[in-house]
N, C-alpha and C. Protein backbone atom coordinates (compact mmCIF):
# COMPACT_ATOMS: atom_id res chain seq x y z
N UNK A 1 74.17 65.44 -107.53
CA UNK A 1 74.39 66.62 -106.75
C UNK A 1 73.56 66.63 -105.47
N UNK A 2 72.29 66.25 -105.63
CA UNK A 2 71.42 66.20 -104.44
C UNK A 2 71.94 65.17 -103.46
N UNK A 3 72.41 64.03 -103.99
CA UNK A 3 72.94 62.98 -103.12
C UNK A 3 74.14 63.52 -102.33
N UNK A 4 74.94 64.33 -102.98
CA UNK A 4 76.13 64.86 -102.32
C UNK A 4 75.73 65.81 -101.21
N UNK A 5 74.69 66.64 -101.47
CA UNK A 5 74.18 67.58 -100.46
C UNK A 5 73.64 66.82 -99.26
N UNK A 6 72.86 65.78 -99.54
CA UNK A 6 72.28 64.98 -98.47
C UNK A 6 73.39 64.33 -97.66
N UNK A 7 74.43 63.88 -98.35
CA UNK A 7 75.54 63.22 -97.64
C UNK A 7 76.27 64.20 -96.71
N UNK A 8 76.45 65.44 -97.22
CA UNK A 8 77.11 66.47 -96.42
C UNK A 8 76.25 66.82 -95.16
N UNK A 9 74.98 67.00 -95.40
CA UNK A 9 74.06 67.33 -94.28
C UNK A 9 74.05 66.19 -93.27
N UNK A 10 73.97 64.97 -93.75
CA UNK A 10 73.95 63.81 -92.88
C UNK A 10 75.23 63.73 -92.07
N UNK A 11 76.37 64.00 -92.75
CA UNK A 11 77.64 63.97 -92.06
C UNK A 11 77.69 65.03 -90.98
N UNK A 12 77.17 66.20 -91.26
CA UNK A 12 77.17 67.29 -90.26
C UNK A 12 76.31 66.90 -89.07
N UNK A 13 75.16 66.29 -89.37
CA UNK A 13 74.29 65.84 -88.25
C UNK A 13 74.98 64.81 -87.40
N UNK A 14 75.63 63.83 -88.03
CA UNK A 14 76.31 62.79 -87.31
C UNK A 14 77.45 63.35 -86.49
N UNK A 15 78.23 64.31 -87.07
CA UNK A 15 79.33 64.90 -86.36
C UNK A 15 78.82 65.71 -85.15
N UNK A 16 77.76 66.48 -85.36
CA UNK A 16 77.17 67.22 -84.25
C UNK A 16 76.65 66.32 -83.15
N UNK A 17 76.00 65.20 -83.57
CA UNK A 17 75.47 64.24 -82.58
C UNK A 17 76.61 63.62 -81.82
N UNK A 18 77.73 63.33 -82.50
CA UNK A 18 78.84 62.73 -81.82
C UNK A 18 79.48 63.66 -80.86
N UNK A 19 79.49 65.00 -81.19
CA UNK A 19 80.09 66.00 -80.31
C UNK A 19 79.16 66.45 -79.19
N UNK A 20 77.87 66.13 -79.26
CA UNK A 20 76.93 66.61 -78.30
C UNK A 20 77.24 66.02 -76.91
N UNK A 21 77.26 66.92 -75.93
CA UNK A 21 77.51 66.50 -74.52
C UNK A 21 76.83 67.51 -73.63
N UNK A 22 76.71 67.19 -72.38
CA UNK A 22 76.02 68.07 -71.44
C UNK A 22 77.05 69.02 -70.80
N UNK A 23 76.71 70.30 -70.82
CA UNK A 23 77.52 71.32 -70.16
C UNK A 23 76.60 72.12 -69.22
N UNK A 24 77.21 72.89 -68.34
CA UNK A 24 76.46 73.64 -67.32
C UNK A 24 76.90 75.09 -67.31
N UNK A 25 75.98 75.97 -66.99
CA UNK A 25 76.27 77.36 -66.80
C UNK A 25 77.09 77.50 -65.51
N UNK A 26 78.16 78.26 -65.55
CA UNK A 26 79.05 78.36 -64.40
C UNK A 26 78.45 79.09 -63.23
N UNK A 27 79.16 79.14 -62.09
CA UNK A 27 78.67 79.69 -60.83
C UNK A 27 78.35 81.17 -60.92
N UNK A 28 77.36 81.53 -60.13
CA UNK A 28 77.05 82.96 -59.83
C UNK A 28 76.87 83.80 -61.08
N UNK A 29 76.30 83.21 -62.08
CA UNK A 29 76.04 83.98 -63.31
C UNK A 29 74.64 83.70 -63.80
N UNK A 30 74.14 84.67 -64.56
CA UNK A 30 72.90 84.49 -65.29
C UNK A 30 73.20 84.91 -66.71
N UNK A 31 73.32 83.93 -67.59
CA UNK A 31 73.81 84.18 -68.98
C UNK A 31 72.64 84.27 -69.91
N UNK A 32 72.95 84.83 -71.08
CA UNK A 32 71.93 84.98 -72.13
C UNK A 32 72.14 83.93 -73.21
N UNK A 33 71.05 83.38 -73.61
CA UNK A 33 71.02 82.48 -74.76
C UNK A 33 70.54 83.28 -75.94
N UNK A 34 71.40 83.46 -76.96
CA UNK A 34 71.06 84.40 -78.05
C UNK A 34 70.85 83.66 -79.38
N UNK A 35 70.27 84.43 -80.28
CA UNK A 35 69.98 83.87 -81.61
C UNK A 35 71.25 83.74 -82.44
N UNK A 36 72.19 84.66 -82.24
CA UNK A 36 73.45 84.65 -83.07
C UNK A 36 74.66 84.79 -82.15
N UNK A 37 75.84 84.75 -82.77
CA UNK A 37 77.11 84.76 -82.05
C UNK A 37 77.58 86.18 -81.79
N UNK A 38 76.78 87.01 -81.18
CA UNK A 38 77.24 88.35 -80.83
C UNK A 38 76.36 88.91 -79.70
N UNK A 39 76.85 89.93 -79.05
CA UNK A 39 76.18 90.49 -77.89
C UNK A 39 74.95 91.31 -78.28
N UNK A 40 74.81 91.65 -79.53
CA UNK A 40 73.69 92.51 -79.94
C UNK A 40 72.51 91.71 -80.47
N UNK A 41 72.70 90.41 -80.61
CA UNK A 41 71.59 89.59 -81.14
C UNK A 41 70.46 89.39 -80.11
N UNK A 42 69.35 88.92 -80.62
CA UNK A 42 68.18 88.76 -79.76
C UNK A 42 68.42 87.70 -78.68
N UNK A 43 67.93 88.04 -77.49
CA UNK A 43 68.04 87.09 -76.37
C UNK A 43 66.87 86.13 -76.38
N UNK A 44 67.17 84.85 -76.38
CA UNK A 44 66.10 83.81 -76.35
C UNK A 44 65.68 83.49 -74.93
N UNK A 45 66.67 83.31 -74.08
CA UNK A 45 66.41 82.93 -72.67
C UNK A 45 67.52 83.46 -71.77
N UNK A 46 67.14 83.71 -70.50
CA UNK A 46 68.14 83.97 -69.50
C UNK A 46 68.39 82.66 -68.73
N UNK A 47 69.65 82.24 -68.66
CA UNK A 47 70.00 80.95 -68.09
C UNK A 47 70.69 81.15 -66.73
N UNK A 48 70.15 80.50 -65.71
CA UNK A 48 70.69 80.64 -64.39
C UNK A 48 71.88 79.72 -64.18
N UNK A 49 72.64 80.00 -63.14
CA UNK A 49 73.80 79.16 -62.82
C UNK A 49 73.35 77.72 -62.58
N UNK A 50 74.10 76.78 -63.16
CA UNK A 50 73.79 75.37 -62.98
C UNK A 50 72.82 74.82 -63.94
N UNK A 51 72.32 75.63 -64.90
CA UNK A 51 71.38 75.15 -65.89
C UNK A 51 72.06 74.18 -66.83
N UNK A 52 71.55 72.91 -66.96
CA UNK A 52 72.18 71.97 -67.89
C UNK A 52 71.83 72.28 -69.33
N UNK A 53 72.78 72.18 -70.23
CA UNK A 53 72.59 72.41 -71.66
C UNK A 53 73.25 71.30 -72.44
N UNK A 54 72.65 71.03 -73.59
CA UNK A 54 73.26 70.05 -74.53
C UNK A 54 74.12 70.79 -75.51
N UNK A 55 75.44 70.50 -75.48
CA UNK A 55 76.38 71.15 -76.39
C UNK A 55 76.28 70.53 -77.76
N UNK A 56 75.85 71.33 -78.72
CA UNK A 56 75.72 70.84 -80.10
C UNK A 56 77.01 71.10 -80.88
N UNK A 57 77.60 72.32 -80.67
CA UNK A 57 78.82 72.64 -81.39
C UNK A 57 79.60 73.70 -80.65
N UNK A 58 80.92 73.44 -80.52
CA UNK A 58 81.84 74.43 -79.90
C UNK A 58 82.51 75.23 -81.03
N UNK A 59 82.12 76.49 -81.15
CA UNK A 59 82.59 77.29 -82.30
C UNK A 59 83.86 78.04 -81.97
N UNK A 60 84.58 78.38 -83.00
CA UNK A 60 85.86 79.09 -82.84
C UNK A 60 85.66 80.57 -82.46
N UNK A 61 84.42 81.05 -82.59
CA UNK A 61 84.13 82.44 -82.30
C UNK A 61 84.04 82.74 -80.80
N UNK A 62 84.22 81.71 -80.01
CA UNK A 62 84.07 81.90 -78.53
C UNK A 62 82.66 81.65 -78.05
N UNK A 63 81.83 81.22 -78.97
CA UNK A 63 80.46 80.86 -78.60
C UNK A 63 80.26 79.34 -78.78
N UNK A 64 79.28 78.84 -78.11
CA UNK A 64 78.87 77.42 -78.29
C UNK A 64 77.40 77.40 -78.67
N UNK A 65 77.11 76.47 -79.57
CA UNK A 65 75.73 76.28 -79.98
C UNK A 65 75.12 75.18 -79.08
N UNK A 66 74.07 75.52 -78.33
CA UNK A 66 73.53 74.61 -77.29
C UNK A 66 72.03 74.47 -77.42
N UNK A 67 71.50 73.50 -76.68
CA UNK A 67 70.06 73.26 -76.66
C UNK A 67 69.66 73.10 -75.18
N UNK A 68 68.55 73.75 -74.80
CA UNK A 68 68.05 73.62 -73.45
C UNK A 68 67.23 72.34 -73.31
N UNK A 69 66.84 72.08 -72.09
CA UNK A 69 66.00 70.87 -71.84
C UNK A 69 64.63 71.01 -72.50
N UNK A 70 64.22 72.24 -72.79
CA UNK A 70 62.94 72.48 -73.42
C UNK A 70 63.04 72.52 -74.94
N UNK A 71 64.24 72.22 -75.49
CA UNK A 71 64.41 72.15 -76.91
C UNK A 71 64.72 73.45 -77.58
N UNK A 72 65.00 74.52 -76.83
CA UNK A 72 65.34 75.83 -77.42
C UNK A 72 66.84 75.82 -77.75
N UNK A 73 67.21 76.15 -78.98
CA UNK A 73 68.59 76.19 -79.39
C UNK A 73 69.05 77.63 -79.59
N UNK A 74 70.35 77.86 -79.24
CA UNK A 74 70.91 79.20 -79.41
C UNK A 74 72.38 79.20 -79.07
N UNK A 75 72.94 80.47 -78.98
CA UNK A 75 74.36 80.62 -78.78
C UNK A 75 74.63 81.19 -77.39
N UNK A 76 75.71 80.75 -76.79
CA UNK A 76 76.12 81.19 -75.50
C UNK A 76 77.66 81.24 -75.43
N UNK A 77 78.20 82.16 -74.62
CA UNK A 77 79.66 82.28 -74.53
C UNK A 77 80.27 81.00 -73.93
N UNK A 78 81.23 80.48 -74.63
CA UNK A 78 81.80 79.18 -74.21
C UNK A 78 82.53 79.28 -72.91
N UNK A 79 83.15 80.40 -72.61
CA UNK A 79 83.97 80.51 -71.39
C UNK A 79 83.14 80.42 -70.10
N UNK A 80 81.82 80.56 -70.24
CA UNK A 80 81.00 80.49 -69.06
C UNK A 80 80.31 79.12 -68.91
N UNK A 81 80.81 78.13 -69.65
CA UNK A 81 80.26 76.77 -69.59
C UNK A 81 81.26 75.85 -68.91
N UNK A 82 80.73 74.88 -68.18
CA UNK A 82 81.56 73.86 -67.52
C UNK A 82 81.03 72.49 -67.86
N UNK A 83 81.94 71.54 -67.86
CA UNK A 83 81.53 70.15 -68.19
C UNK A 83 80.97 69.41 -66.97
N UNK A 84 81.11 70.01 -65.79
CA UNK A 84 80.55 69.40 -64.59
C UNK A 84 79.69 70.43 -63.86
N UNK A 85 78.74 70.00 -63.10
CA UNK A 85 77.87 70.93 -62.38
C UNK A 85 78.68 71.88 -61.49
N UNK A 86 78.33 73.15 -61.41
CA UNK A 86 79.06 74.06 -60.55
C UNK A 86 78.87 73.73 -59.07
N UNK A 87 79.76 74.26 -58.25
CA UNK A 87 79.70 73.94 -56.84
C UNK A 87 78.39 74.35 -56.20
N UNK A 88 77.89 75.52 -56.63
CA UNK A 88 76.63 75.98 -56.05
C UNK A 88 75.51 75.04 -56.43
N UNK A 89 75.56 74.54 -57.67
CA UNK A 89 74.53 73.58 -58.09
C UNK A 89 74.65 72.28 -57.34
N UNK A 90 75.94 71.84 -57.17
CA UNK A 90 76.16 70.62 -56.38
C UNK A 90 75.69 70.82 -54.94
N UNK A 91 75.99 72.01 -54.38
CA UNK A 91 75.55 72.30 -53.01
C UNK A 91 74.03 72.30 -52.93
N UNK A 92 73.39 72.91 -53.93
CA UNK A 92 71.94 72.93 -53.93
C UNK A 92 71.36 71.50 -54.01
N UNK A 93 71.98 70.68 -54.93
CA UNK A 93 71.54 69.29 -55.01
C UNK A 93 71.78 68.54 -53.70
N UNK A 94 72.96 68.83 -53.07
CA UNK A 94 73.25 68.19 -51.78
C UNK A 94 72.23 68.61 -50.73
N UNK A 95 71.91 69.90 -50.71
CA UNK A 95 70.90 70.39 -49.75
C UNK A 95 69.56 69.75 -50.01
N UNK A 96 69.20 69.63 -51.29
CA UNK A 96 67.92 68.95 -51.60
C UNK A 96 67.93 67.50 -51.18
N UNK A 97 69.11 66.87 -51.39
CA UNK A 97 69.25 65.46 -50.99
C UNK A 97 69.14 65.34 -49.49
N UNK A 98 69.81 66.27 -48.77
CA UNK A 98 69.73 66.25 -47.32
C UNK A 98 68.29 66.45 -46.84
N UNK A 99 67.63 67.43 -47.51
CA UNK A 99 66.22 67.72 -47.14
C UNK A 99 65.37 66.47 -47.42
N UNK A 100 65.65 65.83 -48.58
CA UNK A 100 64.88 64.60 -48.87
C UNK A 100 65.12 63.54 -47.87
N UNK A 101 66.44 63.38 -47.48
CA UNK A 101 66.78 62.40 -46.47
C UNK A 101 66.12 62.72 -45.13
N UNK A 102 66.10 64.02 -44.81
CA UNK A 102 65.45 64.41 -43.55
C UNK A 102 63.95 64.09 -43.60
N UNK A 103 63.35 64.38 -44.73
CA UNK A 103 61.93 64.03 -44.90
C UNK A 103 61.70 62.54 -44.83
N UNK A 104 62.63 61.81 -45.48
CA UNK A 104 62.53 60.34 -45.40
C UNK A 104 62.70 59.87 -43.96
N UNK A 105 63.67 60.51 -43.28
CA UNK A 105 63.92 60.12 -41.87
C UNK A 105 62.70 60.44 -41.00
N UNK A 106 62.07 61.60 -41.27
CA UNK A 106 60.87 61.96 -40.55
C UNK A 106 59.77 60.94 -40.83
N UNK A 107 59.65 60.55 -42.11
CA UNK A 107 58.69 59.55 -42.48
C UNK A 107 58.94 58.23 -41.80
N UNK A 108 60.23 57.82 -41.79
CA UNK A 108 60.62 56.57 -41.16
C UNK A 108 60.36 56.63 -39.64
N UNK A 109 60.67 57.79 -39.07
CA UNK A 109 60.41 57.97 -37.63
C UNK A 109 58.94 57.85 -37.34
N UNK A 110 58.12 58.45 -38.19
CA UNK A 110 56.66 58.36 -38.03
C UNK A 110 56.21 56.90 -38.17
N UNK A 111 56.76 56.21 -39.19
CA UNK A 111 56.40 54.82 -39.36
C UNK A 111 56.86 53.98 -38.14
N UNK A 112 58.07 54.29 -37.63
CA UNK A 112 58.54 53.59 -36.46
C UNK A 112 57.65 53.80 -35.26
N UNK A 113 57.22 55.07 -35.08
CA UNK A 113 56.31 55.38 -33.98
C UNK A 113 54.99 54.62 -34.16
N UNK A 114 54.50 54.63 -35.39
CA UNK A 114 53.27 53.88 -35.69
C UNK A 114 53.45 52.40 -35.41
N UNK A 115 54.58 51.84 -35.83
CA UNK A 115 54.84 50.43 -35.57
C UNK A 115 54.93 50.16 -34.07
N UNK A 116 55.60 51.05 -33.36
CA UNK A 116 55.71 50.89 -31.90
C UNK A 116 54.32 50.92 -31.24
N UNK A 117 53.49 51.83 -31.72
CA UNK A 117 52.11 51.89 -31.21
C UNK A 117 51.35 50.64 -31.55
N UNK A 118 51.62 50.12 -32.79
CA UNK A 118 50.95 48.90 -33.18
C UNK A 118 51.39 47.73 -32.30
N UNK A 119 52.71 47.66 -32.04
CA UNK A 119 53.25 46.61 -31.18
C UNK A 119 52.67 46.74 -29.78
N UNK A 120 52.61 48.00 -29.29
CA UNK A 120 52.05 48.22 -27.97
C UNK A 120 50.58 47.80 -27.94
N UNK A 121 49.82 48.15 -28.98
CA UNK A 121 48.44 47.74 -29.07
C UNK A 121 48.33 46.23 -29.14
N UNK A 122 49.25 45.60 -29.86
CA UNK A 122 49.23 44.13 -29.95
C UNK A 122 49.53 43.51 -28.60
N UNK A 123 50.50 44.10 -27.87
CA UNK A 123 50.80 43.57 -26.54
C UNK A 123 49.61 43.77 -25.61
N UNK A 124 48.92 44.92 -25.72
CA UNK A 124 47.73 45.16 -24.90
C UNK A 124 46.67 44.14 -25.22
N UNK A 125 46.44 43.92 -26.54
CA UNK A 125 45.44 42.95 -26.98
C UNK A 125 45.79 41.53 -26.50
N UNK A 126 47.11 41.23 -26.53
CA UNK A 126 47.56 39.90 -26.07
C UNK A 126 47.29 39.77 -24.58
N UNK A 127 47.59 40.84 -23.80
CA UNK A 127 47.32 40.76 -22.36
C UNK A 127 45.84 40.61 -22.08
N UNK A 128 44.99 41.37 -22.84
CA UNK A 128 43.57 41.24 -22.66
C UNK A 128 43.11 39.83 -23.05
N UNK A 129 43.68 39.29 -24.11
CA UNK A 129 43.34 37.91 -24.53
C UNK A 129 43.66 36.91 -23.43
N UNK A 130 44.88 37.05 -22.84
CA UNK A 130 45.28 36.14 -21.79
C UNK A 130 44.35 36.26 -20.58
N UNK A 131 43.98 37.54 -20.26
CA UNK A 131 43.09 37.76 -19.13
C UNK A 131 41.71 37.12 -19.40
N UNK A 132 41.21 37.29 -20.63
CA UNK A 132 39.94 36.70 -20.97
C UNK A 132 39.99 35.17 -20.94
N UNK A 133 41.13 34.61 -21.35
CA UNK A 133 41.28 33.17 -21.30
C UNK A 133 41.28 32.68 -19.86
N UNK A 134 41.94 33.39 -18.95
CA UNK A 134 41.95 33.04 -17.56
C UNK A 134 40.53 33.12 -16.98
N UNK A 135 39.82 34.21 -17.33
CA UNK A 135 38.45 34.35 -16.85
C UNK A 135 37.57 33.25 -17.39
N UNK A 136 37.77 32.89 -18.66
CA UNK A 136 36.99 31.81 -19.22
C UNK A 136 37.27 30.49 -18.52
N UNK A 137 38.54 30.24 -18.21
CA UNK A 137 38.89 29.02 -17.49
C UNK A 137 38.24 29.00 -16.10
N UNK A 138 38.23 30.20 -15.44
CA UNK A 138 37.57 30.26 -14.13
C UNK A 138 36.06 30.01 -14.28
N UNK A 139 35.48 30.60 -15.33
CA UNK A 139 34.03 30.39 -15.52
C UNK A 139 33.73 28.93 -15.78
N UNK A 140 34.61 28.28 -16.62
CA UNK A 140 34.40 26.84 -16.88
C UNK A 140 34.52 26.06 -15.56
N UNK A 141 35.48 26.42 -14.72
CA UNK A 141 35.66 25.69 -13.48
C UNK A 141 34.48 25.91 -12.57
N UNK A 142 34.00 27.18 -12.52
CA UNK A 142 32.82 27.47 -11.71
C UNK A 142 31.59 26.72 -12.29
N UNK A 143 31.47 26.69 -13.59
CA UNK A 143 30.37 26.00 -14.21
C UNK A 143 30.41 24.52 -13.89
N UNK A 144 31.64 23.97 -13.95
CA UNK A 144 31.79 22.56 -13.63
C UNK A 144 31.42 22.28 -12.17
N UNK A 145 31.89 23.19 -11.29
CA UNK A 145 31.54 23.04 -9.86
C UNK A 145 30.05 23.18 -9.67
N UNK A 146 29.42 24.12 -10.42
CA UNK A 146 27.99 24.32 -10.30
C UNK A 146 27.24 23.05 -10.75
N UNK A 147 27.77 22.45 -11.84
CA UNK A 147 27.16 21.21 -12.34
C UNK A 147 27.28 20.09 -11.32
N UNK A 148 28.48 20.00 -10.71
CA UNK A 148 28.67 18.97 -9.67
C UNK A 148 27.76 19.23 -8.48
N UNK A 149 27.62 20.50 -8.10
CA UNK A 149 26.75 20.83 -6.98
C UNK A 149 25.30 20.46 -7.34
N UNK A 150 24.90 20.78 -8.55
CA UNK A 150 23.51 20.43 -8.99
C UNK A 150 23.31 18.92 -8.98
N UNK A 151 24.31 18.22 -9.45
CA UNK A 151 24.19 16.72 -9.45
C UNK A 151 24.07 16.22 -8.03
N UNK A 152 24.92 16.77 -7.14
CA UNK A 152 24.84 16.34 -5.73
C UNK A 152 23.49 16.71 -5.12
N UNK A 153 23.00 17.89 -5.44
CA UNK A 153 21.68 18.32 -4.94
C UNK A 153 20.60 17.37 -5.45
N UNK A 154 20.66 17.04 -6.74
CA UNK A 154 19.66 16.11 -7.28
C UNK A 154 19.75 14.76 -6.57
N UNK A 155 21.00 14.29 -6.35
CA UNK A 155 21.14 13.03 -5.63
C UNK A 155 20.58 13.11 -4.22
N UNK A 156 20.84 14.23 -3.53
CA UNK A 156 20.31 14.40 -2.19
C UNK A 156 18.76 14.42 -2.20
N UNK A 157 18.23 15.12 -3.21
CA UNK A 157 16.79 15.18 -3.34
C UNK A 157 16.20 13.80 -3.55
N UNK A 158 16.85 13.01 -4.39
CA UNK A 158 16.39 11.68 -4.63
C UNK A 158 16.44 10.84 -3.33
N UNK A 159 17.55 11.03 -2.58
CA UNK A 159 17.67 10.30 -1.32
C UNK A 159 16.61 10.73 -0.33
N UNK A 160 16.32 12.07 -0.30
CA UNK A 160 15.31 12.54 0.62
C UNK A 160 13.95 11.98 0.24
N UNK A 161 13.65 12.01 -1.07
CA UNK A 161 12.38 11.44 -1.52
C UNK A 161 12.29 9.96 -1.19
N UNK A 162 13.40 9.23 -1.40
CA UNK A 162 13.41 7.82 -1.06
C UNK A 162 13.23 7.63 0.45
N UNK A 163 13.91 8.49 1.24
CA UNK A 163 13.75 8.34 2.69
C UNK A 163 12.33 8.66 3.12
N UNK A 164 11.71 9.67 2.50
CA UNK A 164 10.31 10.00 2.82
C UNK A 164 9.40 8.83 2.47
N UNK A 165 9.68 8.22 1.32
CA UNK A 165 8.86 7.05 0.93
C UNK A 165 9.01 5.91 1.95
N UNK A 166 10.26 5.67 2.36
CA UNK A 166 10.51 4.61 3.36
C UNK A 166 9.83 4.95 4.69
N UNK A 167 9.90 6.27 5.03
CA UNK A 167 9.26 6.68 6.29
C UNK A 167 7.76 6.50 6.21
N UNK A 168 7.16 6.87 5.09
CA UNK A 168 5.72 6.68 4.95
C UNK A 168 5.37 5.20 4.99
N UNK A 169 6.24 4.37 4.38
CA UNK A 169 6.02 2.93 4.40
C UNK A 169 6.07 2.41 5.83
N UNK A 170 7.09 2.88 6.56
CA UNK A 170 7.24 2.45 7.96
C UNK A 170 6.05 2.91 8.79
N UNK A 171 5.60 4.13 8.51
CA UNK A 171 4.42 4.64 9.23
C UNK A 171 3.20 3.76 8.95
N UNK A 172 3.02 3.42 7.69
CA UNK A 172 1.86 2.59 7.33
C UNK A 172 1.99 1.20 8.00
N UNK A 173 3.23 0.66 7.97
CA UNK A 173 3.42 -0.63 8.60
C UNK A 173 3.20 -0.54 10.12
N UNK A 174 3.66 0.53 10.70
CA UNK A 174 3.47 0.69 12.17
C UNK A 174 2.01 0.85 12.51
N UNK A 175 1.33 1.66 11.65
CA UNK A 175 -0.11 1.80 11.87
C UNK A 175 -0.84 0.45 11.73
N UNK A 176 -0.40 -0.36 10.71
CA UNK A 176 -1.00 -1.63 10.54
C UNK A 176 -0.76 -2.53 11.73
N UNK A 177 0.49 -2.46 12.26
CA UNK A 177 0.80 -3.27 13.45
C UNK A 177 -0.04 -2.81 14.64
N UNK A 178 -0.21 -1.51 14.76
CA UNK A 178 -1.04 -1.01 15.86
C UNK A 178 -2.49 -1.46 15.69
N UNK A 179 -2.95 -1.36 14.45
CA UNK A 179 -4.33 -1.80 14.22
C UNK A 179 -4.49 -3.29 14.54
N UNK A 180 -3.52 -4.09 14.15
CA UNK A 180 -3.54 -5.54 14.45
C UNK A 180 -3.46 -5.79 15.95
N UNK A 181 -2.64 -4.95 16.61
CA UNK A 181 -2.52 -5.13 18.10
C UNK A 181 -3.85 -4.82 18.73
N UNK A 182 -4.50 -3.74 18.29
CA UNK A 182 -5.83 -3.39 18.87
C UNK A 182 -6.83 -4.50 18.61
N UNK A 183 -6.78 -5.02 17.40
CA UNK A 183 -7.70 -6.13 17.08
C UNK A 183 -7.41 -7.35 17.96
N UNK A 184 -6.11 -7.60 18.13
CA UNK A 184 -5.77 -8.76 19.01
C UNK A 184 -6.22 -8.53 20.41
N UNK A 185 -5.98 -7.32 20.96
CA UNK A 185 -6.43 -7.04 22.30
C UNK A 185 -7.95 -7.13 22.41
N UNK A 186 -8.62 -6.62 21.38
CA UNK A 186 -10.09 -6.72 21.40
C UNK A 186 -10.55 -8.17 21.36
N UNK A 187 -9.82 -8.98 20.56
CA UNK A 187 -10.16 -10.38 20.47
C UNK A 187 -9.87 -11.10 21.79
N UNK A 188 -8.67 -10.79 22.32
CA UNK A 188 -8.32 -11.38 23.60
C UNK A 188 -9.29 -10.96 24.70
N UNK A 189 -9.71 -9.70 24.67
CA UNK A 189 -10.66 -9.19 25.65
C UNK A 189 -12.00 -9.92 25.53
N UNK A 190 -12.43 -10.11 24.24
CA UNK A 190 -13.67 -10.81 24.04
C UNK A 190 -13.62 -12.26 24.52
N UNK A 191 -12.45 -12.87 24.23
CA UNK A 191 -12.30 -14.28 24.66
C UNK A 191 -12.33 -14.36 26.18
N UNK A 192 -11.61 -13.40 26.81
CA UNK A 192 -11.57 -13.42 28.29
C UNK A 192 -12.99 -13.18 28.85
N UNK A 193 -13.67 -12.20 28.19
CA UNK A 193 -15.06 -11.95 28.68
C UNK A 193 -15.91 -13.17 28.51
N UNK A 194 -15.79 -13.81 27.35
CA UNK A 194 -16.59 -15.00 27.10
C UNK A 194 -16.24 -16.11 28.08
N UNK A 195 -14.88 -16.22 28.32
CA UNK A 195 -14.45 -17.23 29.30
C UNK A 195 -15.00 -16.93 30.72
N UNK A 196 -15.05 -15.63 31.01
CA UNK A 196 -15.60 -15.27 32.34
C UNK A 196 -17.06 -15.65 32.45
N UNK A 197 -17.77 -15.38 31.35
CA UNK A 197 -19.20 -15.72 31.35
C UNK A 197 -19.40 -17.21 31.49
N UNK A 198 -18.59 -17.95 30.72
CA UNK A 198 -18.72 -19.42 30.79
C UNK A 198 -18.37 -19.92 32.18
N UNK A 199 -17.31 -19.37 32.73
CA UNK A 199 -16.91 -19.78 34.12
C UNK A 199 -18.01 -19.43 35.08
N UNK A 200 -18.59 -18.22 34.87
CA UNK A 200 -19.70 -17.82 35.77
C UNK A 200 -20.88 -18.74 35.62
N UNK A 201 -21.05 -19.30 34.47
CA UNK A 201 -22.18 -20.19 34.25
C UNK A 201 -21.87 -21.61 34.74
N UNK A 202 -20.64 -22.04 34.51
CA UNK A 202 -20.27 -23.44 34.84
C UNK A 202 -19.98 -23.63 36.33
N UNK A 203 -19.26 -22.70 36.92
CA UNK A 203 -18.84 -22.87 38.33
C UNK A 203 -20.02 -23.03 39.27
N UNK A 204 -21.08 -22.27 39.15
CA UNK A 204 -22.20 -22.51 40.09
C UNK A 204 -22.81 -23.91 39.94
N UNK A 205 -22.81 -24.39 38.72
CA UNK A 205 -23.35 -25.74 38.55
C UNK A 205 -22.46 -26.77 39.18
N UNK A 206 -21.16 -26.55 39.02
CA UNK A 206 -20.25 -27.50 39.67
C UNK A 206 -20.39 -27.48 41.18
N UNK A 207 -20.59 -26.30 41.71
CA UNK A 207 -20.75 -26.21 43.19
C UNK A 207 -22.06 -26.87 43.59
N UNK A 208 -23.09 -26.69 42.82
CA UNK A 208 -24.39 -27.27 43.15
C UNK A 208 -24.35 -28.77 43.08
N UNK A 209 -23.61 -29.33 42.11
CA UNK A 209 -23.52 -30.78 41.95
C UNK A 209 -22.78 -31.36 43.14
N UNK A 210 -21.78 -30.68 43.63
CA UNK A 210 -21.04 -31.17 44.77
C UNK A 210 -21.93 -31.17 46.00
N UNK A 211 -22.71 -30.14 46.15
CA UNK A 211 -23.61 -30.12 47.32
C UNK A 211 -24.65 -31.24 47.27
N UNK A 212 -25.16 -31.50 46.10
CA UNK A 212 -26.17 -32.56 45.99
C UNK A 212 -25.58 -33.91 46.31
N UNK A 213 -24.36 -34.11 45.90
CA UNK A 213 -23.71 -35.37 46.22
C UNK A 213 -23.46 -35.48 47.70
N UNK A 214 -23.19 -34.42 48.34
CA UNK A 214 -22.96 -34.45 49.78
C UNK A 214 -24.24 -34.78 50.50
N UNK A 215 -25.31 -34.23 50.09
CA UNK A 215 -26.59 -34.49 50.74
C UNK A 215 -27.02 -35.96 50.50
N UNK A 216 -26.69 -36.46 49.38
CA UNK A 216 -27.09 -37.87 49.12
C UNK A 216 -26.28 -38.80 50.02
N UNK A 217 -25.15 -38.43 50.37
CA UNK A 217 -24.32 -39.29 51.23
C UNK A 217 -24.92 -39.36 52.64
N UNK A 218 -25.48 -38.33 53.17
CA UNK A 218 -26.08 -38.35 54.48
C UNK A 218 -27.40 -39.07 54.39
């Protein structure tokens, strides 16, 4: 007997599960979800238009046994249920979708603006980079020229030092030549003076000898 009862209950559950489908409260109404199948029974919930319900059983009394999304079960008049969302609900969903799309569009517009600013910043940074590279090339060129100028200056300084050394050497040689010339003139003067003295000493004797010879002849 118990097995038969369990089988009947299980069959009822399976049948109800097979019949369960989603229905919606029709447009422009606020319906009552009641404990029993009559207008005088206790109200469990007030259901707004477009509220989705799970249909558990469609009864011959004109009521349907339904379950809300929150798991509350009760009875509602079948004639106020629809198998598809009401137009107002669809319109509300469409408006929400449009609002969502508008928000998404605003977000995308903001992202696009941000990307454009990023691209602009990147272009600015690229221009600054190119300018810095040009300035660096100029600095390198100036540095290279400065190095060349320094090398040339060092070479000129070496040549000046070498020329000064040669000039000093020439001065020393010139001074030596002058000193030698003075010595030579002094030597020549001494020789001439000595020659004059000798001539002054010899010539009178030669003249005296000639006179003596002349006197001897007479």
